[in-house]
Every structure is written in C-alpha cells, then in structure tokens.
Amino acid sequence: YRLRAYNSGGVSGYSNTIYAPTIPNLPYTPTASAATNITTDSFDANWFGSYGADGFYLDVALDTAFSSMLAGYNNLDVGDVTTYPVTGLSAETIYYYRVRSYNAAGPSSNSNVIEVTTLPYPPNPPNALAAINVSQTYFEAVWNTTPNANGYYLDVAEDIGFTIFMPGFENLNVMGDTIKTVFGLTAEATYYYRVRAYNDGGTSGNSNVVETTTLPYDPNAPLALTPTEVTSNSFNANWRSSSGATSYWLDVGYDYIFSSYAPGYENLNVGADTTWAVTGLEPNTTYYCRVRAENISGTSNNSNVVYTTTLTLPPDPPLALEATDITGYSFNANWEESTYADGYLLDVAKDEDFAEYLSGYESLFVWSNTSYPVYGLELDSTYYYRVRAFNVIDTSANSNVISVVSTYVGVPGNPDNPGLKIYSYQSDLMISLSNPVDVEGYVMVYNMLGQALIREKLENSSLNRIPLPVNNTPVIVKLLINGQVHVKKLFIGFVD
C-alpha cells in the first residue's frame, strides 16, 4: 500500500510502498507412506504432498516415541519433496519416520509413523556335503544350514563348469530345505551340485562343488568255469568276469545244493579276481563251486554250479609177498594192495640189484592186479621181483624184494622110472605105462615160457597118445601119477 497527502493547496505525490501480505492458514498434515529401496544401510522415506505446504520436516528415530532420534534426521527440512533418502543406517535394524508440512503460518502436526527394517547382510555361502541315498537314478543333495539364510538355490550339472544343467535344477529355489532329491539321472554317471543361500539382503556366492556318481545296476551272475590245477588238496576255481562287478563271492560245498560247505569257503569274498586257489581240501573228494558278482549296488544271483574231484594221494610202496605156483619155468608174483594205487609196475631180475632184468619184466604194467604170472624162467635158477604202485599223482618207491627159485616142488629125485616112458611121435605126446591098472593121473604140457598147452586125464592103458597143438618145438611134460610127479623135457616133432 501507499499514501498521498492533500490540502487546499493540492495533493502530494505517492509515499513509499509498503508490502503487507496476509498470513495463510497452516498446511494440511501430510500422510507418510511405506519406505522403498530398502537396503542394509538405507531406505527412501515417502509421503504424500500436503495442501498449502511449502516444504516438509522429516524425523527418523529408533523408537516409536521418537525419543531416540537418528543423528541428522531430527526435524530435518527436506524442502518441497515427497521422497527423501535416509542413509548411514545399520543392517537388520528397525527405524521409524514421520513428516510434517510447513508454510509461513507454521508447521502442521506430525504425520502417521512408518516402521522400516533395514535388510540383513547377504548370508555366507553354504557348505555342500556329500550326497546321500545315491541310487542308479537319483541321489539326495545335502548342505549345512547357513545363518541368516531364508532359503537356498540349487544347481545340478553334468560338468564341473556348470555349463550343462540337469533339467529343472538350474538355480532351483528349494526354500529353507537343506536336502533335496535330484532325480531323472542315468546309472553310473557323474553329476555335480552346488548351492547358494539367500535372504532379504541378497544371495551368497556359490558353495563348494560336490561330485557324485550314480550307482551301477546290480551285476549279472557270472559264468562259472571248469576248475583247473586240480591236486589232491587244492584246485583253482574259475569264472568269467561280470560287467560292472567290483568283487566276487565264492562258495565251495560238498553237494550240488550246498547244504554243507568246505571250511572257510562259504560266501568268501575273493576280491576282483576271476580265479581263486581253493586249498586245504581232502584227497579224492568231489567239491562243488558257485560264485556271485557284487558291486556298490548289490549282489547278483548265484552262477551255475561246477564241480571237480581232487586227486588221490601218491600211493605207498606195496608189500611184496612170497611167490606161489612155482615151477621150473614160471611162478606167480604176489603183493598186497596199496592205498590210492591205480595200478602196479613189476620188475623181475636175475640179480638182487636188478642190473639184469628178465626179458619183458622191467617196469611191466600189470594193471591193478595184486598177483601176476612170470614165465620164461630157467630151471633151478634164482629170480628176484619187486613192485611199485602208481596213480595219476606219482609212482611209489620200490617194494621189498622177493627171491624165487625155479624148481618143481615134489619132483622125485630120479624122474626116470623103468615102468614109465615119455616120448614124442611126430606132433603127439606118447606115454607108455608098464602097469596101467588102477592108474590115476594127469598130464600137463607147457611151452618154454611156462604157458600151459594141455591138461588131460591119463587113461588106464599101456599107451596114451595125446595130440599137441605145437610142432617142432621143445616142451615141458609134467605127469602126476598116483601122487607122484614126473617131469621131462621133450622136443615135439620126432621120436625121442
């Protein structure tokens, strides 16, 4: 406003101008709204504009009564804005803020109070643990709880660089669990997993990486093969390898159904070998074998059953016995049976040192007999024999030595008898008796090897003519007449 003076003389000029504005009404009380952009050490305080306001005052405190004001935020004039950053805060701390609007008339009353909690710091990376409950198609990933974590993200990949993720397992939010089943996998395959912890403050770095290999399928039953290297107390059990097997279990039993086992060979873990020496066995005994394959997943069914019989022990030397059926040209060598023997070898010699053998009787195989005829002797000569037992294992040492004198037991000192004539005619044997009445006797003819050619009963006749099956050869004639023995050597083929 301005003034002019006047009187009768006229009106003055204008006075100076005075500005005198009117005082406005107080502004409306503002409405505070929720904080935004909350971090561990700051947030943005927000409010709505207020009619008639020229600016706003901001209060930030640690309590709802605003008795503990945050330094620098007590009645802070923030100007004519509706958002203001609050900084320099502590993580995981509750703060309260309010605002007032102001103008020339003064400040409004306080707004409503907004509570704000700053975010926590992001959690530390978790510690991933070895997988559990691993199978052919799944496993369970496990990790330790991380302080301040609200949940976890899981990655599962086929490579350690995590460039090939398993479907559904890339940054998988598993919430607050610390164990997660990973499924849809391939047997005997290697996988890698890692985890990250998160909370409202952010996400941790990756954990350590855990490598896990899924299990193989149970191995197939092996194929048992024929035992080898069989001895009297051992053999080698053999089988073909089974794909995926890491070890084998061997059974050795006494029967096909394995109702009893050889000591130490019931479910014996023989490692990864496919041949195992089975020892400590009994000789000449049949054993049955079967095997099972094993890996980390489990054990196969039994293989087929194979069997073998252990060899006998080497035989003991036989005991040679006295000769029997001794003649001037033959005898029977005798001996006792030897345990475990399959057969015998006979030596007959002309000297006790066995330097000169009887022809055909050096290590003569005589089968499993315990008596054997020896032919081709010279009359009134001494011979020696011994025997050895053998089987598939070995041959025994020599038996004791038996001596034999080739002579006819019971032959009269003078075989010539005036009333008895023995001669040949062509290929016939002629026996003349001077007194044939009541004659009881037999005639036996041998070749020079001691082998019998004929044996016939004598007739009560002055002349017995007996055809022989040989001609032009020497023979031995043995007569048994009324209990007397008569022996003569003849050449068959002309009159003697």
Protein backbone atom coordinates (compact mmCIF):
# COMPACT_ATOMS: atom_id res chain seq x y z
CA TYR A 1 0.00 0.00 0.00
CA ARG A 2 0.97 3.73 -0.43
CA LEU A 3 -0.26 7.16 0.65
CA ARG A 4 -0.71 10.74 -0.69
CA ALA A 5 -1.31 13.89 1.35
CA TYR A 6 -3.58 16.60 0.28
CA ASN A 7 -4.78 20.14 1.46
CA SER A 8 -6.31 23.14 -0.11
CA GLY A 9 -3.27 23.66 -1.97
CA GLY A 10 -3.40 20.29 -3.62
CA VAL A 11 -2.31 16.56 -3.35
CA SER A 12 1.16 15.31 -2.65
CA GLY A 13 2.93 12.65 -4.51
CA TYR A 14 2.86 8.89 -3.50
CA SER A 15 4.54 7.73 -0.42
CA ASN A 16 6.77 4.73 -0.43
CA THR A 17 5.01 1.43 -0.98
CA ILE A 18 4.54 -0.99 1.90
CA TYR A 19 4.04 -4.70 1.24
CA ALA A 20 1.89 -6.33 3.89
CA PRO A 21 0.83 -9.83 2.88
CA THR A 22 -1.85 -11.69 4.75
CA ILE A 23 -0.85 -14.78 6.80
CA PRO A 24 -2.00 -18.10 5.22
CA ASN A 25 -3.63 -20.99 7.05
CA LEU A 26 -1.45 -23.84 8.36
CA PRO A 27 -0.86 -26.56 5.77
CA TYR A 28 -2.63 -29.91 5.97
CA THR A 29 -0.91 -32.72 7.85
CA PRO A 30 0.85 -34.99 5.34
CA THR A 31 0.37 -38.79 5.09
CA ALA A 32 3.53 -40.88 5.32
CA SER A 33 3.70 -43.94 3.06
CA ALA A 34 5.82 -47.11 3.11
CA ALA A 35 9.53 -46.86 2.62
CA THR A 36 11.05 -48.04 -0.62
CA ASN A 37 14.50 -49.04 -1.86
CA ILE A 38 15.31 -50.59 1.48
CA THR A 39 18.92 -51.83 1.80
CA THR A 40 21.17 -52.87 4.63
CA ASP A 41 22.12 -49.26 5.36
CA SER A 42 19.46 -47.02 3.76
CA PHE A 43 15.90 -46.63 2.61
CA ASP A 44 13.75 -43.98 0.90
CA ALA A 45 11.16 -42.31 3.17
CA ASN A 46 7.96 -41.44 1.29
CA TRP A 47 4.84 -39.37 1.88
CA PHE A 48 2.05 -37.71 0.02
CA GLY A 49 2.04 -33.97 -0.78
CA SER A 50 0.08 -31.64 1.59
CA TYR A 51 -2.21 -28.76 0.50
CA GLY A 52 -0.74 -25.41 1.41
CA ALA A 53 2.66 -26.81 2.21
CA ASP A 54 5.80 -25.02 1.27
CA GLY A 55 8.03 -27.88 2.47
CA PHE A 56 8.38 -30.77 4.88
CA TYR A 57 10.23 -31.67 8.04
CA LEU A 58 11.44 -35.28 8.42
CA ASP A 59 12.05 -37.11 11.69
CA VAL A 60 13.80 -40.53 11.85
CA ALA A 61 14.12 -42.30 15.20
CA LEU A 62 14.94 -45.68 16.73
CA ASP A 63 11.72 -45.78 18.71
CA THR A 64 8.09 -45.01 18.14
CA ALA A 65 8.16 -42.22 20.73
CA PHE A 66 10.89 -40.53 18.75
CA SER A 67 12.89 -40.04 21.90
CA SER A 68 15.98 -41.54 20.29
CA MET A 69 16.39 -39.56 17.13
CA LEU A 70 18.74 -40.60 14.38
CA ALA A 71 21.53 -38.06 14.11
CA GLY A 72 20.85 -35.56 11.33
CA TYR A 73 17.22 -36.59 11.00
CA ASN A 74 15.59 -34.55 13.79
CA ASN A 75 13.17 -32.07 12.19
CA LEU A 76 15.20 -32.19 9.01
CA ASP A 77 13.93 -29.67 6.45
CA VAL A 78 13.90 -31.69 3.24
CA GLY A 79 12.25 -28.96 1.16
CA ASP A 80 9.24 -29.38 -1.02
CA VAL A 81 9.77 -33.11 -1.93
CA THR A 82 7.77 -36.25 -1.13
CA THR A 83 10.68 -38.73 -1.09
CA TYR A 84 13.91 -38.48 0.78
CA PRO A 85 16.82 -40.96 1.16
CA VAL A 86 17.76 -41.98 4.70
CA THR A 87 21.35 -43.25 4.83
CA GLY A 88 24.07 -44.30 7.25
CA LEU A 89 21.89 -46.99 8.87
CA SER A 90 22.64 -50.30 10.48
CA ALA A 91 21.62 -53.64 8.92
CA GLU A 92 18.66 -55.54 10.35
CA THR A 93 17.60 -52.55 12.45
CA ILE A 94 14.11 -51.10 12.95
CA TYR A 95 13.66 -47.41 12.24
CA TYR A 96 10.62 -45.11 12.41
CA TYR A 97 9.93 -41.98 10.44
CA ARG A 98 7.28 -39.23 10.30
CA VAL A 99 6.92 -35.91 8.46
CA ARG A 100 5.32 -32.52 8.95
CA SER A 101 4.42 -29.97 6.31
CA TYR A 102 5.06 -26.29 6.80
CA ASN A 103 4.34 -22.85 5.35
CA ALA A 104 4.51 -19.24 6.53
CA ALA A 105 1.86 -19.92 9.05
CA GLY A 106 3.97 -22.65 10.62
CA PRO A 107 4.25 -26.44 10.63
CA SER A 108 1.49 -28.93 10.53
CA SER A 109 1.02 -31.65 13.04
CA ASN A 110 3.00 -34.95 12.72
CA SER A 111 2.05 -37.46 10.09
CA ASN A 112 1.43 -41.10 10.80
CA VAL A 113 4.55 -43.12 11.75
CA ILE A 114 6.11 -45.62 9.31
CA GLU A 115 8.21 -48.53 10.59
CA VAL A 116 11.13 -49.69 8.44
CA THR A 117 13.56 -52.58 9.00
CA THR A 118 16.78 -52.43 7.13
CA LEU A 119 17.82 -55.57 5.31
CA PRO A 120 20.25 -58.10 6.74
CA TYR A 121 23.58 -58.69 5.10
CA PRO A 122 23.50 -61.48 2.45
CA PRO A 123 24.30 -64.89 4.00
CA ASN A 124 27.63 -66.63 3.63
CA PRO A 125 27.90 -69.41 1.05
CA PRO A 126 26.63 -72.74 2.41
CA ASN A 127 28.84 -75.80 2.91
CA ALA A 128 27.72 -78.53 0.49
CA LEU A 129 28.04 -82.07 1.85
CA ALA A 130 28.45 -85.44 0.19
CA ALA A 131 25.30 -86.76 -1.41
CA ILE A 132 23.34 -89.45 0.41
CA ASN A 133 20.95 -92.24 -0.65
CA VAL A 134 22.66 -92.49 -4.02
CA SER A 135 20.94 -94.91 -6.41
CA GLN A 136 21.02 -95.60 -10.13
CA THR A 137 18.55 -92.81 -10.99
CA TYR A 138 18.63 -90.34 -8.10
CA PHE A 139 20.53 -89.04 -5.09
CA GLU A 140 19.89 -86.55 -2.30
CA ALA A 141 21.96 -83.36 -2.31
CA VAL A 142 22.78 -82.15 1.21
CA TRP A 143 24.29 -78.99 2.70
CA ASN A 144 24.72 -77.28 6.05
CA THR A 145 22.37 -74.59 7.33
CA THR A 146 23.68 -71.06 6.76
CA PRO A 147 22.98 -68.40 9.43
CA ASN A 148 20.55 -65.67 8.31
CA ALA A 149 19.51 -67.64 5.24
CA ASN A 150 15.86 -67.61 4.25
CA GLY A 151 16.34 -70.28 1.59
CA TYR A 152 18.67 -71.84 -0.93
CA TYR A 153 19.19 -72.12 -4.66
CA LEU A 154 20.42 -75.48 -6.03
CA ASP A 155 22.34 -76.12 -9.26
CA VAL A 156 22.93 -79.64 -10.63
CA ALA A 157 25.04 -80.11 -13.76
CA GLU A 158 26.70 -82.80 -15.82
CA ASP A 159 30.02 -80.94 -15.83
CA ILE A 160 32.09 -79.25 -13.18
CA GLY A 161 31.90 -75.97 -15.07
CA PHE A 162 28.10 -75.98 -14.78
CA THR A 163 27.50 -75.37 -18.45
CA ILE A 164 25.18 -78.37 -18.86
CA PHE A 165 22.48 -78.21 -16.21
CA MET A 166 20.13 -81.04 -15.40
CA PRO A 167 16.61 -80.05 -16.49
CA GLY A 168 14.79 -78.34 -13.63
CA PHE A 169 17.91 -77.98 -11.50
CA GLU A 170 19.32 -74.62 -12.55
CA ASN A 171 19.00 -72.08 -9.75
CA LEU A 172 16.22 -74.18 -8.24
CA ASN A 173 14.66 -72.48 -5.20
CA VAL A 174 14.40 -75.22 -2.58
CA MET A 175 13.12 -72.78 0.05
CA GLY A 176 14.51 -73.47 3.52
CA ASP A 177 15.34 -77.15 2.97
CA THR A 178 18.91 -78.39 3.36
CA ILE A 179 18.30 -81.65 1.50
CA LYS A 180 16.84 -82.13 -1.97
CA THR A 181 16.20 -85.22 -4.07
CA VAL A 182 17.78 -84.97 -7.51
CA PHE A 183 16.02 -87.39 -9.86
CA GLY A 184 15.88 -88.37 -13.53
CA LEU A 185 19.54 -89.40 -13.61
CA THR A 186 21.48 -92.05 -15.53
CA ALA A 187 23.17 -95.03 -13.86
CA GLU A 188 26.97 -94.89 -13.48
CA ALA A 189 27.05 -91.20 -14.44
CA THR A 190 28.87 -88.37 -12.67
CA TYR A 191 27.00 -85.24 -11.58
CA TYR A 192 27.99 -82.03 -9.80
CA TYR A 193 25.98 -79.83 -7.47
CA ARG A 194 26.37 -76.52 -5.63
CA VAL A 195 24.07 -74.28 -3.58
CA ARG A 196 23.64 -70.63 -2.71
CA ALA A 197 21.94 -69.17 0.35
CA TYR A 198 19.67 -66.15 0.14
CA ASN A 199 17.78 -63.77 2.39
CA ASP A 200 16.19 -60.34 2.03
CA GLY A 201 19.65 -58.85 1.86
CA GLY A 202 20.73 -60.82 -1.18
CA THR A 203 22.22 -64.10 -2.34
CA SER A 204 25.50 -65.63 -1.26
CA GLY A 205 28.22 -66.83 -3.56
CA ASN A 206 28.31 -70.46 -4.65
CA SER A 207 29.12 -73.18 -2.20
CA ASN A 208 31.83 -75.74 -2.79
CA VAL A 209 31.07 -78.23 -5.58
CA VAL A 210 30.19 -81.83 -4.73
CA GLU A 211 30.82 -84.62 -7.22
CA THR A 212 28.50 -87.63 -7.12
CA THR A 213 28.42 -90.75 -9.28
CA THR A 214 25.19 -92.68 -9.51
CA LEU A 215 25.29 -96.39 -8.80
CA PRO A 216 25.59 -99.04 -11.48
CA TYR A 217 22.86 -101.63 -11.81
CA ASP A 218 23.35 -104.93 -9.97
CA PRO A 219 25.80 -107.11 -11.93
CA ASN A 220 24.69 -110.21 -13.80
CA ALA A 221 25.54 -113.62 -12.37
CA PRO A 222 29.00 -114.75 -13.51
CA LEU A 223 29.60 -117.89 -15.58
CA ALA A 224 31.47 -120.48 -13.53
CA LEU A 225 34.12 -122.37 -15.49
CA THR A 226 35.66 -125.81 -15.04
CA PRO A 227 38.18 -125.88 -12.15
CA THR A 228 41.83 -126.21 -13.13
CA GLU A 229 45.15 -127.09 -11.48
CA VAL A 230 43.49 -129.89 -9.55
CA THR A 231 45.69 -131.63 -6.96
CA SER A 232 44.97 -133.89 -4.03
CA ASN A 233 44.30 -130.95 -1.72
CA SER A 234 43.57 -127.95 -3.94
CA PHE A 235 42.23 -126.63 -7.23
CA ASN A 236 41.68 -123.30 -8.95
CA ALA A 237 38.07 -122.10 -9.12
CA ASN A 238 37.48 -120.07 -12.29
CA TRP A 239 34.71 -117.87 -13.68
CA ARG A 240 34.15 -115.23 -16.33
CA SER A 241 34.03 -111.62 -15.28
CA SER A 242 30.62 -109.98 -14.92
CA SER A 243 30.14 -106.50 -16.36
CA GLY A 244 30.05 -103.86 -13.64
CA ALA A 245 31.27 -106.24 -10.91
CA THR A 246 33.86 -104.97 -8.45
CA SER A 247 34.27 -108.18 -6.45
CA TYR A 248 33.06 -111.76 -6.22
CA TRP A 249 31.81 -114.15 -3.50
CA LEU A 250 32.78 -117.82 -3.72
CA ASP A 251 31.05 -120.90 -2.30
CA VAL A 252 32.66 -124.34 -2.24
CA GLY A 253 30.41 -127.13 -1.00
CA TYR A 254 30.23 -130.87 -0.66
CA ASP A 255 26.98 -131.25 -2.64
CA TYR A 256 25.11 -129.65 -5.50
CA ILE A 257 22.64 -127.85 -3.23
CA PHE A 258 25.38 -126.56 -0.91
CA SER A 259 23.87 -127.98 2.27
CA SER A 260 27.40 -128.08 3.68
CA TYR A 261 30.50 -126.09 2.81
CA ALA A 262 34.21 -126.69 2.73
CA PRO A 263 35.69 -124.92 5.79
CA GLY A 264 36.31 -121.25 5.02
CA TYR A 265 34.53 -121.28 1.68
CA GLU A 266 31.01 -120.15 2.49
CA ASN A 267 30.38 -116.73 0.93
CA LEU A 268 34.12 -115.98 0.71
CA ASN A 269 34.96 -112.52 -0.67
CA VAL A 270 37.71 -113.15 -3.22
CA GLY A 271 38.04 -109.57 -4.45
CA ALA A 272 38.04 -108.74 -8.14
CA ASP A 273 39.90 -111.88 -9.26
CA THR A 274 38.28 -114.37 -11.61
CA THR A 275 40.48 -117.26 -10.42
CA TRP A 276 40.88 -118.34 -6.82
CA ALA A 277 43.07 -121.08 -5.33
CA VAL A 278 40.90 -123.32 -3.15
CA THR A 279 43.20 -125.08 -0.68
CA GLY A 280 43.10 -127.29 2.39
CA LEU A 281 40.91 -129.94 0.72
CA GLU A 282 40.60 -133.70 1.18
CA PRO A 283 42.02 -136.08 -1.45
CA ASN A 284 39.75 -138.00 -3.79
CA THR A 285 36.75 -135.82 -2.81
CA THR A 286 34.18 -134.13 -5.06
CA TYR A 287 33.64 -130.41 -4.48
CA TYR A 288 31.05 -128.07 -5.99
CA CYS A 289 31.63 -124.38 -6.79
CA ARG A 290 29.46 -121.37 -7.49
CA VAL A 291 30.14 -117.62 -7.43
CA ARG A 292 28.26 -114.32 -7.16
CA ALA A 293 29.25 -110.91 -8.53
CA GLU A 294 28.99 -107.74 -6.45
CA ASN A 295 29.24 -104.02 -6.95
CA ILE A 296 28.24 -101.00 -4.91
CA SER A 297 24.60 -101.52 -5.85
CA GLY A 298 24.23 -105.11 -4.73
CA THR A 299 24.99 -108.79 -5.35
CA SER A 300 23.98 -110.93 -8.31
CA ASN A 301 22.25 -114.30 -8.25
CA ASN A 302 24.36 -117.45 -7.99
CA SER A 303 26.28 -118.60 -11.02
CA ASN A 304 25.92 -122.05 -12.50
CA VAL A 305 27.42 -124.87 -10.40
CA VAL A 306 30.59 -126.67 -11.48
CA TYR A 307 32.37 -129.50 -9.73
CA THR A 308 35.66 -131.33 -9.62
CA THR A 309 37.18 -134.24 -7.74
CA THR A 310 40.52 -133.81 -6.03
CA LEU A 311 43.26 -136.22 -6.91
CA THR A 312 44.27 -139.09 -4.69
CA LEU A 313 47.48 -139.03 -2.67
CA PRO A 314 50.61 -140.66 -4.04
CA PRO A 315 50.44 -144.38 -3.24
CA ASP A 316 52.60 -146.05 -0.63
CA PRO A 317 55.07 -148.73 -1.73
CA PRO A 318 53.31 -152.11 -1.86
CA LEU A 319 54.32 -155.04 0.33
CA ALA A 320 55.65 -157.84 -1.88
CA LEU A 321 54.56 -161.33 -0.76
CA GLU A 322 56.09 -164.75 -1.33
CA ALA A 323 55.70 -166.22 -4.81
CA THR A 324 53.21 -169.02 -5.42
CA ASP A 325 52.65 -171.68 -8.11
CA ILE A 326 56.40 -172.03 -8.58
CA THR A 327 57.53 -174.31 -11.42
CA GLY A 328 60.81 -174.74 -13.16
CA TYR A 329 59.75 -172.19 -15.74
CA SER A 330 57.19 -169.91 -14.04
CA PHE A 331 55.78 -168.52 -10.79
CA ASN A 332 53.14 -166.09 -9.59
CA ALA A 333 54.48 -162.84 -8.12
CA ASN A 334 52.22 -161.52 -5.31
CA TRP A 335 51.86 -158.30 -3.31
CA GLU A 336 49.43 -156.51 -1.04
CA GLU A 337 47.14 -153.78 -2.37
CA SER A 338 48.45 -150.23 -1.87
CA THR A 339 46.07 -147.43 -0.85
CA TYR A 340 45.37 -144.89 -3.62
CA ALA A 341 47.03 -147.12 -6.24
CA ASP A 342 45.58 -147.18 -9.75
CA GLY A 343 47.98 -149.90 -10.94
CA TYR A 344 51.34 -151.56 -10.44
CA LEU A 345 54.70 -151.90 -12.18
CA LEU A 346 56.55 -155.23 -11.83
CA ASP A 347 60.30 -155.84 -12.08
CA VAL A 348 61.76 -159.35 -12.32
CA ALA A 349 65.54 -159.69 -12.43
CA LYS A 350 68.23 -162.34 -12.34
CA ASP A 351 70.13 -160.49 -9.62
CA GLU A 352 69.09 -158.81 -6.42
CA ASP A 353 70.49 -155.47 -7.61
CA PHE A 354 68.17 -155.60 -10.63
CA ALA A 355 71.03 -154.98 -13.02
CA GLU A 356 69.84 -157.77 -15.38
CA TYR A 357 66.09 -157.95 -15.93
CA LEU A 358 64.15 -160.97 -17.11
CA SER A 359 63.12 -160.16 -20.65
CA GLY A 360 59.78 -158.32 -20.71
CA TYR A 361 59.68 -157.75 -16.95
CA GLU A 362 61.24 -154.31 -16.47
CA SER A 363 58.57 -151.87 -15.19
CA LEU A 364 55.92 -154.18 -16.59
CA PHE A 365 52.43 -152.64 -16.32
CA VAL A 366 50.29 -155.30 -14.65
CA TRP A 367 47.10 -153.20 -14.28
CA SER A 368 45.55 -153.24 -10.82
CA ASN A 369 46.28 -156.92 -10.16
CA THR A 370 47.98 -157.96 -6.94
CA SER A 371 49.21 -161.23 -8.47
CA TYR A 372 50.86 -161.77 -11.82
CA PRO A 373 52.36 -164.83 -13.56
CA VAL A 374 56.01 -164.71 -14.54
CA TYR A 375 57.12 -167.01 -17.41
CA GLY A 376 60.29 -167.78 -19.32
CA LEU A 377 62.44 -168.91 -16.41
CA GLU A 378 65.38 -171.27 -16.48
CA LEU A 379 65.08 -174.39 -14.34
CA ASP A 380 66.79 -174.31 -10.96
CA SER A 381 67.58 -170.59 -11.20
CA THR A 382 67.08 -167.81 -8.68
CA TYR A 383 65.00 -164.76 -9.62
CA TYR A 384 64.08 -161.57 -7.76
CA TYR A 385 60.98 -159.44 -8.05
CA ARG A 386 59.74 -156.15 -6.70
CA VAL A 387 56.74 -153.96 -7.45
CA ARG A 388 55.79 -150.27 -7.44
CA ALA A 389 52.32 -148.71 -7.11
CA PHE A 390 51.28 -145.73 -9.22
CA ASN A 391 48.37 -143.35 -9.76
CA VAL A 392 47.84 -140.06 -11.57
CA ILE A 393 49.83 -138.24 -8.89
CA ASP A 394 53.03 -140.24 -8.69
CA THR A 395 54.71 -143.61 -8.57
CA SER A 396 55.73 -145.11 -5.24
CA ALA A 397 59.16 -146.30 -4.25
CA ASN A 398 60.05 -149.95 -4.76
CA SER A 399 58.55 -152.60 -2.56
CA ASN A 400 60.64 -155.08 -0.67
CA VAL A 401 62.37 -157.71 -2.84
CA ILE A 402 61.23 -161.35 -3.00
CA SER A 403 63.54 -164.13 -4.27
CA VAL A 404 62.24 -167.20 -6.13
CA VAL A 405 63.98 -170.45 -7.15
CA SER A 406 62.56 -172.04 -10.32
CA THR A 407 62.11 -175.72 -9.44
CA TYR A 408 59.27 -178.20 -9.30
CA VAL A 409 58.20 -178.91 -5.80
CA GLY A 410 57.63 -182.64 -5.23
CA VAL A 411 59.52 -183.94 -8.32
CA PRO A 412 61.25 -187.26 -7.41
CA GLY A 413 64.98 -187.16 -7.25
CA ASN A 414 65.11 -189.59 -10.21
CA PRO A 415 62.29 -188.84 -12.64
CA ASP A 416 63.22 -191.83 -14.82
CA ASN A 417 61.03 -194.80 -13.99
CA PRO A 418 61.64 -198.14 -15.62
CA GLY A 419 57.91 -198.72 -15.91
CA LEU A 420 57.23 -195.26 -17.41
CA LYS A 421 58.26 -193.94 -20.80
CA ILE A 422 57.61 -190.43 -22.08
CA TYR A 423 58.45 -189.64 -25.68
CA SER A 424 57.08 -187.88 -28.74
CA TYR A 425 55.99 -189.13 -32.08
CA GLN A 426 55.59 -186.54 -34.79
CA SER A 427 53.34 -183.92 -33.03
CA ASP A 428 51.92 -186.37 -30.47
CA LEU A 429 52.95 -186.99 -26.90
CA MET A 430 53.40 -190.70 -26.13
CA ILE A 431 53.13 -192.05 -22.55
CA SER A 432 53.79 -195.78 -22.02
CA LEU A 433 52.79 -197.42 -18.73
CA SER A 434 54.08 -200.91 -17.82
CA ASN A 435 51.26 -201.48 -15.34
CA PRO A 436 48.28 -199.33 -16.29
CA VAL A 437 45.84 -200.97 -13.86
CA ASP A 438 44.41 -198.57 -11.28
CA VAL A 439 46.40 -195.62 -12.65
CA GLU A 440 45.08 -192.21 -11.63
CA GLY A 441 46.85 -189.27 -13.07
CA TYR A 442 47.06 -186.24 -15.28
CA VAL A 443 49.43 -184.96 -17.88
CA MET A 444 50.23 -181.25 -18.28
CA VAL A 445 52.32 -179.81 -21.08
CA TYR A 446 53.95 -176.33 -21.00
CA ASN A 447 55.89 -174.36 -23.54
CA MET A 448 59.25 -172.93 -22.62
CA LEU A 449 57.61 -169.72 -21.34
CA GLY A 450 55.72 -171.74 -18.78
CA GLN A 451 52.40 -171.33 -20.51
CA ALA A 452 50.09 -174.38 -20.32
CA LEU A 453 49.35 -176.11 -23.60
CA ILE A 454 47.17 -179.04 -22.46
CA ARG A 455 45.92 -180.72 -19.33
CA GLU A 456 44.37 -184.18 -19.74
CA LYS A 457 43.50 -187.17 -17.58
CA LEU A 458 45.51 -190.32 -18.21
CA GLU A 459 43.66 -193.44 -19.36
CA ASN A 460 44.15 -196.90 -17.86
CA SER A 461 46.03 -198.01 -20.96
CA SER A 462 49.53 -199.15 -21.60
CA LEU A 463 49.92 -196.37 -24.17
CA ASN A 464 48.41 -192.91 -24.03
CA ARG A 465 48.74 -190.94 -27.26
CA ILE A 466 47.97 -187.27 -26.85
CA PRO A 467 47.95 -184.79 -29.79
CA LEU A 468 49.68 -181.49 -29.07
CA PRO A 469 48.84 -178.06 -30.54
CA VAL A 470 52.51 -177.35 -31.36
CA ASN A 471 55.19 -178.94 -33.57
CA ASN A 472 58.93 -178.68 -33.91
CA THR A 473 59.35 -177.03 -30.52
CA PRO A 474 60.58 -178.02 -27.06
CA VAL A 475 58.01 -178.55 -24.31
CA ILE A 476 57.93 -179.47 -20.65
CA VAL A 477 55.84 -182.53 -19.76
CA LYS A 478 54.59 -182.84 -16.19
CA LEU A 479 52.94 -186.12 -15.09
CA LEU A 480 51.03 -186.60 -11.89
CA ILE A 481 50.54 -190.37 -11.39
CA ASN A 482 49.16 -191.75 -8.15
CA GLY A 483 50.53 -188.77 -6.20
CA GLN A 484 53.98 -188.85 -7.82
CA VAL A 485 55.26 -186.04 -10.08
CA HIS A 486 57.36 -186.81 -13.15
CA VAL A 487 58.86 -184.09 -15.35
CA LYS A 488 60.59 -184.39 -18.71
CA LYS A 489 61.72 -182.01 -21.42
CA LEU A 490 60.85 -183.15 -24.97
CA PHE A 491 61.21 -181.86 -28.49
CA ILE A 492 57.98 -182.32 -30.37
CA GLY A 493 58.42 -183.37 -33.99
CA PHE A 494 60.42 -186.60 -33.97
CA VAL A 495 60.77 -189.74 -31.84
CA ASP A 496 62.77 -189.04 -28.69
